[in-house]
Every structure is written in C-alpha cells, then in structure tokens.
Amino acid sequence: MSEMTCVRRIAARPSTVFDALTTAEGMASWWCPDDGPVLSAASDPKVGGRFRVRFRKVNGSEHECAGEFLEIEEPRRIVMSYEWTSGGVPEERERVSRVELRLRLIDTGTELTVIHAGLYNEASARNHSAGWGAALDKLVRRFAASNSPHPE
C-alpha cells in the first residue's frame, strides 16, 4: 500500500476552506483535476454521511468518486473513505482508500494538507498526487483574488 501528500496554502480562513471541502457547492467549484466541469456533487458532511462527485476531464473522460465521512473536526480535520465508482485509476477500482484533510490557520489563511493513504502502489500514488495537486491548485486560485483572511 502507498500514500501521497499534497500541501497548499489558501487565502481563506479554515472555516471557509472547510466548507469548500465538504459541501456539494464547494466541491463542485474545484474537484476536477483539469479545466473540465464537475457534472454533479452531493455531500452530507457528518460522520457517517456520504459524498459523491462526478466530473468530466477536458479529454472527455468521465470519472466519479464517492465515500463516507469517517471523522470531522470542524474546521480543522476531515477523514473520509474514498473509492472510484467509475473512471479513475484502473487499479484502484473496487478498492477503498482513505483521505485525510488537515486545515491549519496561518497568517495568510489556511495551510491544507491532503494525505491519501491505502493506494494500490507507487504508480497509483503518483497519479493521485498529480490529480489532487491540480484540483487543489484550482481551489487555491478560487480564493486567490479574495482579500486577506481574518483570523478565527
């Protein structure tokens, strides 16, 4: 089993970033790893609640992932199961992995760390790192034009 980690600094308060990570509207604004659209997003952000996101990459391929919220410490930490229900990385189909999202207040907003564990192998970890990295870059851009955050 392998894992990957991505870290981004986002110009928004942790509570704002938390909402972007857990609500259907928030997920729909950044989840796809390229400029393709999110086709649908659903989320019930509570322990035991589920999420599902379907997106279309610019090459026309459609992908859908889903999972369950396992732990929530608003606005600091989210742990969820993660599986590809269609598309995605072929060796990960029908496998459940684990995603942990850590949010830390910093002077410029939020430092977000994503740890995706339980991946099939190093190649899968690299693919997921590229995908998460590109999607998180969209999240960073979404808040880049905002004014400086106010500490919580």
Protein backbone atom coordinates (compact mmCIF):
# COMPACT_ATOMS: atom_id res chain seq x y z
CA MET A 1 0.00 0.00 0.00
CA SER A 2 1.13 3.50 -0.81
CA GLU A 3 0.18 7.04 0.08
CA MET A 4 0.64 10.58 -1.20
CA THR A 5 0.64 14.00 0.43
CA CYS A 6 -0.14 17.41 -1.08
CA VAL A 7 0.13 20.73 0.77
CA ARG A 8 -1.33 24.03 -0.38
CA ARG A 9 -1.68 27.49 1.16
CA ILE A 10 -5.07 29.05 0.56
CA ALA A 11 -6.01 32.71 1.08
CA ALA A 12 -9.14 32.00 3.12
CA ARG A 13 -10.00 31.17 6.72
CA PRO A 14 -10.11 27.48 7.71
CA SER A 15 -13.90 27.62 8.12
CA THR A 16 -14.28 28.87 4.53
CA VAL A 17 -11.91 26.22 3.16
CA PHE A 18 -13.68 23.57 5.26
CA ASP A 19 -16.96 24.46 3.54
CA ALA A 20 -15.29 24.23 0.12
CA LEU A 21 -14.09 20.72 1.04
CA THR A 22 -17.34 19.40 2.47
CA THR A 23 -20.36 21.00 0.78
CA ALA A 24 -21.68 19.96 -2.63
CA GLU A 25 -21.43 23.56 -3.86
CA GLY A 26 -17.87 23.87 -2.62
CA MET A 27 -16.75 20.54 -4.12
CA ALA A 28 -18.34 21.45 -7.46
CA SER A 29 -16.11 24.53 -7.68
CA TRP A 30 -12.73 22.74 -7.69
CA TRP A 31 -12.87 18.92 -7.66
CA CYS A 32 -11.90 18.15 -11.31
CA PRO A 33 -8.10 17.99 -11.84
CA ASP A 34 -8.21 19.99 -15.08
CA ASP A 35 -10.48 22.65 -16.60
CA GLY A 36 -13.31 20.18 -17.19
CA PRO A 37 -16.61 20.60 -15.37
CA VAL A 38 -17.92 18.93 -12.25
CA LEU A 39 -21.12 17.31 -13.53
CA SER A 40 -22.64 16.58 -10.12
CA ALA A 41 -21.71 16.76 -6.46
CA ALA A 42 -23.56 15.56 -3.40
CA SER A 43 -22.41 15.72 0.20
CA ASP A 44 -23.77 15.05 3.67
CA PRO A 45 -20.86 16.32 5.79
CA LYS A 46 -21.37 14.48 9.06
CA VAL A 47 -19.80 11.33 10.47
CA GLY A 48 -21.44 8.50 8.55
CA GLY A 49 -22.61 10.89 5.82
CA ARG A 50 -21.63 10.24 2.22
CA PHE A 51 -20.24 12.28 -0.66
CA ARG A 52 -20.16 11.68 -4.42
CA VAL A 53 -18.54 13.78 -7.14
CA ARG A 54 -18.75 13.18 -10.90
CA PHE A 55 -16.57 15.19 -13.28
CA ARG A 56 -15.57 15.29 -16.97
CA LYS A 57 -11.96 15.97 -17.85
CA VAL A 58 -11.14 18.09 -20.91
CA ASN A 59 -10.30 14.90 -22.85
CA GLY A 60 -13.98 13.88 -22.46
CA SER A 61 -13.43 11.07 -19.95
CA GLU A 62 -15.88 10.97 -17.04
CA HIS A 63 -14.92 9.93 -13.53
CA GLU A 64 -16.86 9.51 -10.33
CA CYS A 65 -15.63 9.04 -6.77
CA ALA A 66 -17.58 8.54 -3.60
CA GLY A 67 -17.03 7.84 0.05
CA GLU A 68 -18.10 8.27 3.63
CA PHE A 69 -17.13 10.91 6.16
CA LEU A 70 -15.38 8.95 8.92
CA GLU A 71 -14.18 11.80 11.19
CA ILE A 72 -14.98 15.51 11.22
CA GLU A 73 -13.38 18.12 13.46
CA GLU A 74 -14.77 21.35 12.03
CA PRO A 75 -12.89 23.35 10.76
CA ARG A 76 -9.60 21.55 11.36
CA ARG A 77 -9.77 17.98 10.03
CA ILE A 78 -11.78 15.65 7.80
CA VAL A 79 -11.21 11.94 7.28
CA MET A 80 -13.16 10.07 4.62
CA SER A 81 -13.18 6.81 2.75
CA TYR A 82 -12.63 7.17 -1.00
CA GLU A 83 -13.38 4.93 -3.95
CA TRP A 84 -13.70 5.29 -7.69
CA THR A 85 -17.21 4.30 -8.74
CA SER A 86 -16.38 4.93 -12.41
CA GLY A 87 -13.28 6.03 -14.28
CA GLY A 88 -10.37 6.92 -12.06
CA VAL A 89 -7.14 4.97 -11.72
CA PRO A 90 -7.83 1.42 -13.04
CA GLU A 91 -6.01 -0.49 -10.30
CA GLU A 92 -8.00 1.40 -7.64
CA ARG A 93 -11.44 0.33 -8.91
CA GLU A 94 -13.39 -1.58 -6.27
CA ARG A 95 -10.79 -0.61 -3.65
CA VAL A 96 -11.49 1.73 -0.75
CA SER A 97 -8.73 4.11 0.31
CA ARG A 98 -8.57 6.83 2.99
CA VAL A 99 -8.26 10.59 2.59
CA GLU A 100 -7.33 12.90 5.47
CA LEU A 101 -7.65 16.66 5.06
CA ARG A 102 -5.90 18.82 7.67
CA LEU A 103 -6.54 22.55 7.86
CA ARG A 104 -4.24 24.82 9.83
CA LEU A 105 -4.66 28.56 10.38
CA ILE A 106 -1.66 30.53 9.10
CA ASP A 107 -1.02 34.27 8.68
CA THR A 108 -2.14 34.23 5.05
CA GLY A 109 -5.18 31.98 5.53
CA THR A 110 -5.10 28.19 5.66
CA GLU A 111 -2.49 25.55 5.11
CA LEU A 112 -4.28 22.50 3.72
CA THR A 113 -2.62 19.08 3.82
CA VAL A 114 -4.18 16.18 1.92
CA ILE A 115 -2.99 12.66 2.74
CA HIS A 116 -4.41 9.92 0.53
CA ALA A 117 -3.47 6.52 2.00
CA GLY A 118 -4.17 2.91 1.19
CA LEU A 119 -3.45 3.31 -2.52
CA TYR A 120 -2.59 0.22 -4.57
CA ASN A 121 1.03 1.05 -5.43
CA GLU A 122 3.52 3.88 -6.04
CA ALA A 123 2.25 4.47 -9.59
CA SER A 124 -1.25 4.96 -8.24
CA ALA A 125 0.10 7.30 -5.54
CA ARG A 126 1.84 9.38 -8.24
CA ASN A 127 -1.39 9.53 -10.31
CA HIS A 128 -3.41 10.58 -7.30
CA SER A 129 -0.77 13.14 -6.30
CA ALA A 130 -1.00 14.73 -9.75
CA GLY A 131 -4.80 14.71 -9.66
CA TRP A 132 -5.14 16.10 -6.14
CA GLY A 133 -2.40 18.64 -6.84
CA ALA A 134 -4.12 20.01 -9.93
CA ALA A 135 -7.53 20.09 -8.25
CA LEU A 136 -6.09 21.83 -5.17
CA ASP A 137 -4.44 24.40 -7.44
CA LYS A 138 -7.96 25.26 -8.64
CA LEU A 139 -9.04 25.65 -5.02
CA VAL A 140 -6.07 27.98 -4.37
CA ARG A 141 -7.00 30.06 -7.45
CA ARG A 142 -10.62 30.26 -6.32
CA PHE A 143 -9.60 32.17 -3.20
CA ALA A 144 -6.52 33.98 -4.58
CA ALA A 145 -8.47 37.08 -5.57
CA SER A 146 -10.02 37.41 -2.10
CA ASN A 147 -8.89 39.95 0.41
CA SER A 148 -6.61 38.88 3.24
CA PRO A 149 -8.37 36.48 5.60
CA HIS A 150 -9.40 37.44 9.07
CA PRO A 151 -8.07 35.11 11.78
CA GLU A 152 -10.65 32.98 13.56
